[in-house]
Amino acid sequence: MKRLHIHVTVDNLADSIRFYSAMFDHAPTVQKDDYAKWMLDDPRVNFAISNRSQQTGLNHLGIQVESSAELAEMGLRLQGLQAPVATESQAQCCYARSDKYWVTDPQGIAWETFHTLDSIPLFGSGTQSPSAASDTGACCVPAATIKQTKPTAACCAPGSNCC
């Protein structure tokens, strides 16, 4: 069974942990000095936040799978998109070791499809510091996957008339 993954970069981790813990009615499943993650079943989502990038907001979206077979099937789907697909084996990111595929959607949003193999004690490989993550502009997203897009006005924000 697959699980939606959302990673948001935040300014203030403690405030965001309080906010999302109240919204989800659950404390984080994983909490570090620079990162928190909720593995929720209702809705079925892996929701993560970090303060490791200078740009706040949506960092990337993803689909977490439960097996190597599911990952291989998702890899075939991604190959059919006629978009560049980055493959990572044994990638170390967000306190986990995973096999991954990365693709960028037409709007420039990075999508990660991954199978988590194990947890690790560091945010990323080696001794990656928060400033090193900031240099790439996104948490663990391969640089070739990142596409800068212009911010646009929010459609369904409070006060808008679109929804």
C-alpha atoms as a PDB file:
ATOM      1  CA  MET A   1       0.000   0.000   0.000  1.00  0.00           C
ATOM      2  CA  LYS A   2       1.301   3.415  -0.908  1.00  0.00           C
ATOM      3  CA  ARG A   3       1.437   6.501   1.304  1.00  0.00           C
ATOM      4  CA  LEU A   4       1.458  10.125   0.148  1.00  0.00           C
ATOM      5  CA  HIS A   5       4.592  12.008   1.255  1.00  0.00           C
ATOM      6  CA  ILE A   6       4.698  15.781   1.730  1.00  0.00           C
ATOM      7  CA  HIS A   7       7.770  17.708   2.881  1.00  0.00           C
ATOM      8  CA  VAL A   8       7.443  21.373   3.869  1.00  0.00           C
ATOM      9  CA  THR A   9      10.321  23.677   4.784  1.00  0.00           C
ATOM     10  CA  VAL A  10       9.415  25.863   7.775  1.00  0.00           C
ATOM     11  CA  ASP A  11      10.869  28.963   9.435  1.00  0.00           C
ATOM     12  CA  ASN A  12      10.253  27.936  13.038  1.00  0.00           C
ATOM     13  CA  LEU A  13      10.323  24.200  13.708  1.00  0.00           C
ATOM     14  CA  ALA A  14       8.930  24.355  17.265  1.00  0.00           C
ATOM     15  CA  ASP A  15       5.936  26.493  16.236  1.00  0.00           C
ATOM     16  CA  SER A  16       5.278  24.246  13.253  1.00  0.00           C
ATOM     17  CA  ILE A  17       5.489  21.084  15.368  1.00  0.00           C
ATOM     18  CA  ARG A  18       2.892  22.546  17.748  1.00  0.00           C
ATOM     19  CA  PHE A  19       0.661  23.565  14.817  1.00  0.00           C
ATOM     20  CA  TYR A  20       0.789  20.257  12.936  1.00  0.00           C
ATOM     21  CA  SER A  21       0.561  18.161  16.125  1.00  0.00           C
ATOM     22  CA  ALA A  22      -2.679  19.974  16.961  1.00  0.00           C
ATOM     23  CA  MET A  23      -3.987  19.711  13.388  1.00  0.00           C
ATOM     24  CA  PHE A  24      -3.210  15.974  13.133  1.00  0.00           C
ATOM     25  CA  ASP A  25      -4.053  15.292  16.827  1.00  0.00           C
ATOM     26  CA  HIS A  26      -0.754  13.392  17.072  1.00  0.00           C
ATOM     27  CA  ALA A  27       2.791  14.131  18.151  1.00  0.00           C
ATOM     28  CA  PRO A  28       5.507  13.559  15.529  1.00  0.00           C
ATOM     29  CA  THR A  29       6.605   9.978  14.959  1.00  0.00           C
ATOM     30  CA  VAL A  30      10.180  11.231  14.471  1.00  0.00           C
ATOM     31  CA  GLN A  31      11.490  14.469  15.968  1.00  0.00           C
ATOM     32  CA  LYS A  32      15.013  15.877  15.634  1.00  0.00           C
ATOM     33  CA  ASP A  33      16.535  19.336  16.139  1.00  0.00           C
ATOM     34  CA  ASP A  34      15.934  20.216  12.474  1.00  0.00           C
ATOM     35  CA  TYR A  35      13.197  17.814  11.360  1.00  0.00           C
ATOM     36  CA  ALA A  36       9.888  16.215  12.336  1.00  0.00           C
ATOM     37  CA  LYS A  37       7.747  13.575  10.665  1.00  0.00           C
ATOM     38  CA  TRP A  38       4.224  12.296  11.203  1.00  0.00           C
ATOM     39  CA  MET A  39       3.338   8.838   9.834  1.00  0.00           C
ATOM     40  CA  LEU A  40      -0.433   9.151   9.760  1.00  0.00           C
ATOM     41  CA  ASP A  41      -3.030   6.529   8.879  1.00  0.00           C
ATOM     42  CA  ASP A  42      -5.986   8.924   8.615  1.00  0.00           C
ATOM     43  CA  PRO A  43      -5.227  10.408   6.168  1.00  0.00           C
ATOM     44  CA  ARG A  44      -2.546   7.909   5.073  1.00  0.00           C
ATOM     45  CA  VAL A  45       0.355  10.313   4.701  1.00  0.00           C
ATOM     46  CA  ASN A  46       4.036  10.695   5.584  1.00  0.00           C
ATOM     47  CA  PHE A  47       4.151  14.415   6.440  1.00  0.00           C
ATOM     48  CA  ALA A  48       7.602  15.888   7.169  1.00  0.00           C
ATOM     49  CA  ILE A  49       8.884  19.361   8.023  1.00  0.00           C
ATOM     50  CA  SER A  50      12.413  20.702   8.358  1.00  0.00           C
ATOM     51  CA  ASN A  51      14.250  23.981   8.677  1.00  0.00           C
ATOM     52  CA  ARG A  52      17.219  22.952   6.528  1.00  0.00           C
ATOM     53  CA  SER A  53      16.524  25.216   3.543  1.00  0.00           C
ATOM     54  CA  GLN A  54      16.429  28.978   3.248  1.00  0.00           C
ATOM     55  CA  GLN A  55      13.313  28.837   1.065  1.00  0.00           C
ATOM     56  CA  THR A  56      10.196  28.008   3.076  1.00  0.00           C
ATOM     57  CA  GLY A  57       7.084  26.316   1.744  1.00  0.00           C
ATOM     58  CA  LEU A  58       6.525  23.135  -0.214  1.00  0.00           C
ATOM     59  CA  ASN A  59       9.830  21.298  -0.528  1.00  0.00           C
ATOM     60  CA  HIS A  60       8.691  18.223  -2.444  1.00  0.00           C
ATOM     61  CA  LEU A  61       5.891  15.679  -2.742  1.00  0.00           C
ATOM     62  CA  GLY A  62       6.240  11.950  -2.947  1.00  0.00           C
ATOM     63  CA  ILE A  63       4.872   8.461  -2.806  1.00  0.00           C
ATOM     64  CA  GLN A  64       6.274   6.098  -0.205  1.00  0.00           C
ATOM     65  CA  VAL A  65       5.975   2.410  -1.093  1.00  0.00           C
ATOM     66  CA  GLU A  66       6.278  -0.589   1.188  1.00  0.00           C
ATOM     67  CA  SER A  67       8.366  -2.936  -0.958  1.00  0.00           C
ATOM     68  CA  SER A  68      11.047  -3.133  -3.626  1.00  0.00           C
ATOM     69  CA  ALA A  69       8.455  -4.632  -5.988  1.00  0.00           C
ATOM     70  CA  GLU A  70       6.163  -1.593  -5.547  1.00  0.00           C
ATOM     71  CA  LEU A  71       9.144   0.704  -6.134  1.00  0.00           C
ATOM     72  CA  ALA A  72      10.035  -1.122  -9.352  1.00  0.00           C
ATOM     73  CA  GLU A  73       6.424  -0.805 -10.554  1.00  0.00           C
ATOM     74  CA  MET A  74       6.429   2.936  -9.768  1.00  0.00           C
ATOM     75  CA  GLY A  75       9.769   3.266 -11.573  1.00  0.00           C
ATOM     76  CA  LEU A  76       8.192   1.827 -14.727  1.00  0.00           C
ATOM     77  CA  ARG A  77       5.329   4.336 -14.442  1.00  0.00           C
ATOM     78  CA  LEU A  78       7.770   7.226 -14.084  1.00  0.00           C
ATOM     79  CA  GLN A  79       9.839   6.052 -17.077  1.00  0.00           C
ATOM     80  CA  GLY A  80       6.638   6.286 -19.133  1.00  0.00           C
ATOM     81  CA  LEU A  81       6.248   9.996 -18.336  1.00  0.00           C
ATOM     82  CA  GLN A  82       8.843  11.007 -20.931  1.00  0.00           C
ATOM     83  CA  ALA A  83      10.510  13.191 -18.310  1.00  0.00           C
ATOM     84  CA  PRO A  84      14.007  12.801 -16.836  1.00  0.00           C
ATOM     85  CA  VAL A  85      14.013  10.376 -13.907  1.00  0.00           C
ATOM     86  CA  ALA A  86      16.829  10.441 -11.329  1.00  0.00           C
ATOM     87  CA  THR A  87      17.534   7.115  -9.624  1.00  0.00           C
ATOM     88  CA  GLU A  88      19.124   6.901  -6.176  1.00  0.00           C
ATOM     89  CA  SER A  89      20.150   3.662  -4.507  1.00  0.00           C
ATOM     90  CA  GLN A  90      20.799   3.516  -0.762  1.00  0.00           C
ATOM     91  CA  ALA A  91      20.249   7.307  -0.525  1.00  0.00           C
ATOM     92  CA  GLN A  92      20.746   8.769   2.933  1.00  0.00           C
ATOM     93  CA  CYS A  93      18.327  11.607   3.647  1.00  0.00           C
ATOM     94  CA  CYS A  94      15.894  12.735   6.333  1.00  0.00           C
ATOM     95  CA  TYR A  95      17.260  10.277   8.895  1.00  0.00           C
ATOM     96  CA  ALA A  96      16.543   7.328   6.586  1.00  0.00           C
ATOM     97  CA  ARG A  97      18.263   5.164   3.984  1.00  0.00           C
ATOM     98  CA  SER A  98      16.077   4.600   0.915  1.00  0.00           C
ATOM     99  CA  ASP A  99      15.994   3.575  -2.720  1.00  0.00           C
ATOM    100  CA  LYS A 100      14.390   6.370  -4.770  1.00  0.00           C
ATOM    101  CA  TYR A 101      13.247   7.773  -8.056  1.00  0.00           C
ATOM    102  CA  TRP A 102      12.896  11.533  -8.578  1.00  0.00           C
ATOM    103  CA  VAL A 103      10.950  13.314 -11.301  1.00  0.00           C
ATOM    104  CA  THR A 104       9.788  16.908 -11.772  1.00  0.00           C
ATOM    105  CA  ASP A 105       6.182  17.607 -12.767  1.00  0.00           C
ATOM    106  CA  PRO A 106       5.268  20.182 -15.463  1.00  0.00           C
ATOM    107  CA  GLN A 107       4.899  22.887 -12.783  1.00  0.00           C
ATOM    108  CA  GLY A 108       8.417  22.306 -11.482  1.00  0.00           C
ATOM    109  CA  ILE A 109       7.460  20.396  -8.312  1.00  0.00           C
ATOM    110  CA  ALA A 110       9.899  17.633  -7.362  1.00  0.00           C
ATOM    111  CA  TRP A 111       8.262  14.235  -6.775  1.00  0.00           C
ATOM    112  CA  GLU A 112      10.097  11.519  -4.855  1.00  0.00           C
ATOM    113  CA  THR A 113       9.045   7.861  -5.062  1.00  0.00           C
ATOM    114  CA  PHE A 114      10.854   5.829  -2.421  1.00  0.00           C
ATOM    115  CA  HIS A 115      11.159   2.643  -0.402  1.00  0.00           C
ATOM    116  CA  THR A 116      12.641   3.211   3.070  1.00  0.00           C
ATOM    117  CA  LEU A 117      15.187   0.551   3.963  1.00  0.00           C
ATOM    118  CA  ASP A 118      16.367   1.675   7.409  1.00  0.00           C
ATOM    119  CA  SER A 119      16.707   4.652   9.735  1.00  0.00           C
ATOM    120  CA  ILE A 120      20.045   6.448  10.155  1.00  0.00           C
ATOM    121  CA  PRO A 121      21.313   8.818  12.876  1.00  0.00           C
ATOM    122  CA  LEU A 122      22.101  11.736  10.494  1.00  0.00           C
ATOM    123  CA  PHE A 123      19.866  13.969   8.376  1.00  0.00           C
ATOM    124  CA  GLY A 124      21.823  13.035   5.244  1.00  0.00           C
ATOM    125  CA  SER A 125      24.943  11.284   4.084  1.00  0.00           C
ATOM    126  CA  GLY A 126      28.172  12.161   5.825  1.00  0.00           C
ATOM    127  CA  THR A 127      27.908  15.191   8.036  1.00  0.00           C
ATOM    128  CA  GLN A 128      25.652  17.297   5.830  1.00  0.00           C
ATOM    129  CA  SER A 129      24.997  20.552   7.641  1.00  0.00           C
ATOM    130  CA  PRO A 130      21.870  22.696   7.391  1.00  0.00           C
ATOM    131  CA  SER A 131      23.832  25.223   5.318  1.00  0.00           C
ATOM    132  CA  ALA A 132      24.853  22.514   2.842  1.00  0.00           C
ATOM    133  CA  ALA A 133      21.211  21.571   2.397  1.00  0.00           C
ATOM    134  CA  SER A 134      20.387  25.246   1.882  1.00  0.00           C
ATOM    135  CA  ASP A 135      22.860  25.436  -0.993  1.00  0.00           C
ATOM    136  CA  THR A 136      20.754  23.007  -3.033  1.00  0.00           C
ATOM    137  CA  GLY A 137      17.511  24.803  -2.214  1.00  0.00           C
ATOM    138  CA  ALA A 138      15.676  21.666  -1.160  1.00  0.00           C
ATOM    139  CA  CYS A 139      15.944  18.809   1.288  1.00  0.00           C
ATOM    140  CA  CYS A 140      17.674  15.862  -0.356  1.00  0.00           C
ATOM    141  CA  VAL A 141      16.192  16.688  -3.780  1.00  0.00           C
ATOM    142  CA  PRO A 142      18.785  16.057  -6.501  1.00  0.00           C
ATOM    143  CA  ALA A 143      19.913  19.413  -7.943  1.00  0.00           C
ATOM    144  CA  ALA A 144      18.958  18.340 -11.470  1.00  0.00           C
ATOM    145  CA  THR A 145      15.371  17.820 -10.252  1.00  0.00           C
ATOM    146  CA  ILE A 146      14.934  21.324  -8.817  1.00  0.00           C
ATOM    147  CA  LYS A 147      13.222  23.738 -11.156  1.00  0.00           C
ATOM    148  CA  GLN A 148      12.685  27.316 -10.094  1.00  0.00           C
ATOM    149  CA  THR A 149       9.180  28.606 -10.718  1.00  0.00           C
ATOM    150  CA  LYS A 150       7.687  32.032 -10.252  1.00  0.00           C
ATOM    151  CA  PRO A 151       5.376  32.351  -7.253  1.00  0.00           C
ATOM    152  CA  THR A 152       1.790  32.943  -8.284  1.00  0.00           C
ATOM    153  CA  ALA A 153      -1.194  34.322  -6.431  1.00  0.00           C
ATOM    154  CA  ALA A 154      -2.940  31.727  -4.299  1.00  0.00           C
ATOM    155  CA  CYS A 155      -6.165  30.539  -5.919  1.00  0.00           C
ATOM    156  CA  CYS A 156      -8.190  29.389  -2.984  1.00  0.00           C
ATOM    157  CA  ALA A 157      -6.663  31.532  -0.276  1.00  0.00           C
ATOM    158  CA  PRO A 158      -8.983  33.245   2.197  1.00  0.00           C
ATOM    159  CA  GLY A 159     -10.501  36.279   0.536  1.00  0.00           C
ATOM    160  CA  SER A 160     -10.187  34.933  -3.009  1.00  0.00           C
ATOM    161  CA  ASN A 161     -13.256  34.340  -5.130  1.00  0.00           C
ATOM    162  CA  CYS A 162     -12.176  31.238  -7.024  1.00  0.00           C
ATOM    163  CA  CYS A 163     -13.492  28.404  -4.884  1.00  0.00           C
END
